[in-house]
Amino acid sequence: MLNETEKQELKASLIEERDRLDKELDSFTREFASTPGGHEAFIETHQQESNSEDEAQTVEEYQKRKALETVLEKRLEELTRAIEVIDTDQFGICIKCGQKIAPERMKVNPAASSCFKCAS
């Protein structure tokens, strides 16, 4: 089991990663409360698309940003949940089987919500 000092170090790490992801999401998304995850990728267009190749590049860039948005929002949800429960007895407990998550796993991924067995 993790001691209090280790928990506080993990909490600081979680908060640091959450803040970094927030900044990264802000760099290519806008926040919308009505969208799942709260963000929506966007592409700045300063001129009318001149040909189908330009339009295709814009669509491709949007798709890349949308995929990254999805991954970052999922991780952000994991981090937020971990920060919310780190000071409770639920931190470090597998949400699937209810067993303790190995401290080694928690140190590598403090947002882990399942044990090695249930994660595989």
C-alpha atoms as a PDB file:
ATOM      1  CA  MET A   1       0.000   0.000   0.000  1.00  0.00           C
ATOM      2  CA  LEU A   2       1.150   3.539  -0.684  1.00  0.00           C
ATOM      3  CA  ASN A   3       2.108   5.761   2.207  1.00  0.00           C
ATOM      4  CA  GLU A   4       0.855   9.351   2.538  1.00  0.00           C
ATOM      5  CA  THR A   5       4.022  10.904   1.080  1.00  0.00           C
ATOM      6  CA  GLU A   6       3.796   8.647  -1.984  1.00  0.00           C
ATOM      7  CA  LYS A   7       0.118   9.536  -2.399  1.00  0.00           C
ATOM      8  CA  GLN A   8       0.864  13.246  -2.286  1.00  0.00           C
ATOM      9  CA  GLU A   9       3.652  12.829  -4.859  1.00  0.00           C
ATOM     10  CA  LEU A  10       1.251  10.925  -7.108  1.00  0.00           C
ATOM     11  CA  LYS A  11      -1.392  13.603  -6.612  1.00  0.00           C
ATOM     12  CA  ALA A  12       1.064  16.306  -7.673  1.00  0.00           C
ATOM     13  CA  SER A  13       1.958  14.223 -10.717  1.00  0.00           C
ATOM     14  CA  LEU A  14      -1.727  13.755 -11.615  1.00  0.00           C
ATOM     15  CA  ILE A  15      -2.430  17.480 -11.296  1.00  0.00           C
ATOM     16  CA  GLU A  16       0.636  18.345 -13.382  1.00  0.00           C
ATOM     17  CA  GLU A  17      -0.406  15.946 -16.158  1.00  0.00           C
ATOM     18  CA  ARG A  18      -4.011  17.189 -16.041  1.00  0.00           C
ATOM     19  CA  ASP A  19      -2.870  20.800 -16.404  1.00  0.00           C
ATOM     20  CA  ARG A  20      -0.560  19.867 -19.298  1.00  0.00           C
ATOM     21  CA  LEU A  21      -3.393  18.055 -21.099  1.00  0.00           C
ATOM     22  CA  ASP A  22      -5.734  21.000 -20.539  1.00  0.00           C
ATOM     23  CA  LYS A  23      -3.209  23.299 -22.198  1.00  0.00           C
ATOM     24  CA  GLU A  24      -2.688  20.888 -25.074  1.00  0.00           C
ATOM     25  CA  LEU A  25      -6.436  20.569 -25.648  1.00  0.00           C
ATOM     26  CA  ASP A  26      -6.811  24.354 -25.524  1.00  0.00           C
ATOM     27  CA  SER A  27      -4.266  24.648 -28.335  1.00  0.00           C
ATOM     28  CA  PHE A  28      -6.518  22.979 -30.928  1.00  0.00           C
ATOM     29  CA  THR A  29     -10.020  22.743 -29.444  1.00  0.00           C
ATOM     30  CA  ARG A  30     -12.721  25.011 -28.157  1.00  0.00           C
ATOM     31  CA  GLU A  31     -14.657  24.194 -25.022  1.00  0.00           C
ATOM     32  CA  PHE A  32     -18.329  23.390 -25.424  1.00  0.00           C
ATOM     33  CA  ALA A  33     -20.359  22.121 -22.510  1.00  0.00           C
ATOM     34  CA  SER A  34     -22.794  20.485 -24.919  1.00  0.00           C
ATOM     35  CA  THR A  35     -20.215  18.181 -26.553  1.00  0.00           C
ATOM     36  CA  PRO A  36     -19.096  14.846 -25.090  1.00  0.00           C
ATOM     37  CA  GLY A  37     -15.830  15.466 -23.264  1.00  0.00           C
ATOM     38  CA  GLY A  38     -16.412  19.206 -23.344  1.00  0.00           C
ATOM     39  CA  HIS A  39     -14.114  20.002 -26.287  1.00  0.00           C
ATOM     40  CA  GLU A  40     -14.429  20.265 -30.041  1.00  0.00           C
ATOM     41  CA  ALA A  41     -11.482  20.273 -32.433  1.00  0.00           C
ATOM     42  CA  PHE A  42     -11.346  23.113 -34.925  1.00  0.00           C
ATOM     43  CA  ILE A  43      -9.328  24.243 -37.907  1.00  0.00           C
ATOM     44  CA  GLU A  44      -8.701  27.922 -38.535  1.00  0.00           C
ATOM     45  CA  THR A  45      -9.500  28.832 -42.120  1.00  0.00           C
ATOM     46  CA  HIS A  46      -8.553  32.365 -43.114  1.00  0.00           C
ATOM     47  CA  GLN A  47      -9.447  32.071 -46.748  1.00  0.00           C
ATOM     48  CA  GLN A  48     -11.918  30.295 -48.917  1.00  0.00           C
ATOM     49  CA  GLU A  49     -10.711  26.785 -49.787  1.00  0.00           C
ATOM     50  CA  SER A  50      -9.452  27.154 -53.337  1.00  0.00           C
ATOM     51  CA  ASN A  51      -9.484  23.581 -54.536  1.00  0.00           C
ATOM     52  CA  SER A  52     -10.388  20.055 -53.569  1.00  0.00           C
ATOM     53  CA  GLU A  53      -6.796  19.285 -52.522  1.00  0.00           C
ATOM     54  CA  ASP A  54      -6.860  22.127 -49.986  1.00  0.00           C
ATOM     55  CA  GLU A  55     -10.234  20.935 -48.733  1.00  0.00           C
ATOM     56  CA  ALA A  56      -8.916  17.365 -48.418  1.00  0.00           C
ATOM     57  CA  GLN A  57      -5.933  18.585 -46.381  1.00  0.00           C
ATOM     58  CA  THR A  58      -8.253  20.533 -44.107  1.00  0.00           C
ATOM     59  CA  VAL A  59     -10.461  17.489 -43.564  1.00  0.00           C
ATOM     60  CA  GLU A  60      -7.419  15.284 -42.910  1.00  0.00           C
ATOM     61  CA  GLU A  61      -6.041  17.764 -40.365  1.00  0.00           C
ATOM     62  CA  TYR A  62      -9.432  17.971 -38.643  1.00  0.00           C
ATOM     63  CA  GLN A  63      -9.646  14.166 -38.430  1.00  0.00           C
ATOM     64  CA  LYS A  64      -6.186  13.997 -36.830  1.00  0.00           C
ATOM     65  CA  ARG A  65      -7.135  16.670 -34.311  1.00  0.00           C
ATOM     66  CA  LYS A  66     -10.444  14.958 -33.559  1.00  0.00           C
ATOM     67  CA  ALA A  67      -8.684  11.639 -32.881  1.00  0.00           C
ATOM     68  CA  LEU A  68      -6.170  13.354 -30.591  1.00  0.00           C
ATOM     69  CA  GLU A  69      -8.995  15.203 -28.850  1.00  0.00           C
ATOM     70  CA  THR A  70     -10.718  11.883 -28.085  1.00  0.00           C
ATOM     71  CA  VAL A  71      -7.552  10.322 -26.644  1.00  0.00           C
ATOM     72  CA  LEU A  72      -6.709  13.374 -24.530  1.00  0.00           C
ATOM     73  CA  GLU A  73     -10.265  13.724 -23.209  1.00  0.00           C
ATOM     74  CA  LYS A  74     -10.283  10.075 -22.152  1.00  0.00           C
ATOM     75  CA  ARG A  75      -6.994  10.499 -20.313  1.00  0.00           C
ATOM     76  CA  LEU A  76      -8.257  13.727 -18.761  1.00  0.00           C
ATOM     77  CA  GLU A  77     -11.289  11.851 -17.408  1.00  0.00           C
ATOM     78  CA  GLU A  78      -8.984   9.206 -15.899  1.00  0.00           C
ATOM     79  CA  LEU A  79      -6.824  11.881 -14.272  1.00  0.00           C
ATOM     80  CA  THR A  80      -9.813  13.798 -12.918  1.00  0.00           C
ATOM     81  CA  ARG A  81     -11.277  10.649 -11.388  1.00  0.00           C
ATOM     82  CA  ALA A  82      -7.956   9.742  -9.773  1.00  0.00           C
ATOM     83  CA  ILE A  83      -7.538  13.248  -8.329  1.00  0.00           C
ATOM     84  CA  GLU A  84     -11.068  13.071  -6.907  1.00  0.00           C
ATOM     85  CA  VAL A  85     -10.503   9.724  -5.162  1.00  0.00           C
ATOM     86  CA  ILE A  86      -6.823   9.911  -4.196  1.00  0.00           C
ATOM     87  CA  ASP A  87      -7.639  11.066  -0.669  1.00  0.00           C
ATOM     88  CA  THR A  88     -10.302   8.380  -0.170  1.00  0.00           C
ATOM     89  CA  ASP A  89     -10.136   4.669   0.526  1.00  0.00           C
ATOM     90  CA  GLN A  90     -11.174   4.025  -3.106  1.00  0.00           C
ATOM     91  CA  PHE A  91      -7.786   5.112  -4.489  1.00  0.00           C
ATOM     92  CA  GLY A  92      -5.722   2.136  -5.546  1.00  0.00           C
ATOM     93  CA  ILE A  93      -8.730  -0.204  -5.559  1.00  0.00           C
ATOM     94  CA  CYS A  94      -9.686  -1.926  -8.820  1.00  0.00           C
ATOM     95  CA  ILE A  95     -13.086  -0.738 -10.017  1.00  0.00           C
ATOM     96  CA  LYS A  96     -13.746  -4.136 -11.615  1.00  0.00           C
ATOM     97  CA  CYS A  97     -12.788  -6.697  -8.961  1.00  0.00           C
ATOM     98  CA  GLY A  98     -12.390  -4.571  -5.813  1.00  0.00           C
ATOM     99  CA  GLN A  99      -8.849  -5.794  -5.101  1.00  0.00           C
ATOM    100  CA  LYS A 100      -5.877  -3.523  -4.354  1.00  0.00           C
ATOM    101  CA  ILE A 101      -3.965  -2.316  -7.393  1.00  0.00           C
ATOM    102  CA  ALA A 102      -0.252  -3.090  -7.115  1.00  0.00           C
ATOM    103  CA  PRO A 103       1.726  -0.069  -5.862  1.00  0.00           C
ATOM    104  CA  GLU A 104       4.122  -0.548  -8.791  1.00  0.00           C
ATOM    105  CA  ARG A 105       1.229  -0.039 -11.210  1.00  0.00           C
ATOM    106  CA  MET A 106       0.019   3.027  -9.318  1.00  0.00           C
ATOM    107  CA  LYS A 107       3.489   4.564  -9.446  1.00  0.00           C
ATOM    108  CA  VAL A 108       3.726   4.034 -13.212  1.00  0.00           C
ATOM    109  CA  ASN A 109       0.149   5.170 -13.868  1.00  0.00           C
ATOM    110  CA  PRO A 110      -1.373   6.946 -10.861  1.00  0.00           C
ATOM    111  CA  ALA A 111      -4.675   7.200 -12.746  1.00  0.00           C
ATOM    112  CA  ALA A 112      -4.963   3.406 -13.073  1.00  0.00           C
ATOM    113  CA  SER A 113      -8.430   2.288 -12.055  1.00  0.00           C
ATOM    114  CA  SER A 114      -7.973  -1.444 -12.570  1.00  0.00           C
ATOM    115  CA  CYS A 115      -5.461  -4.050 -11.481  1.00  0.00           C
ATOM    116  CA  PHE A 116      -3.090  -5.864 -13.864  1.00  0.00           C
ATOM    117  CA  LYS A 117      -5.421  -8.844 -14.104  1.00  0.00           C
ATOM    118  CA  CYS A 118      -8.543  -6.841 -14.929  1.00  0.00           C
ATOM    119  CA  ALA A 119      -6.705  -4.486 -17.278  1.00  0.00           C
ATOM    120  CA  SER A 120      -5.596  -7.336 -19.527  1.00  0.00           C
END
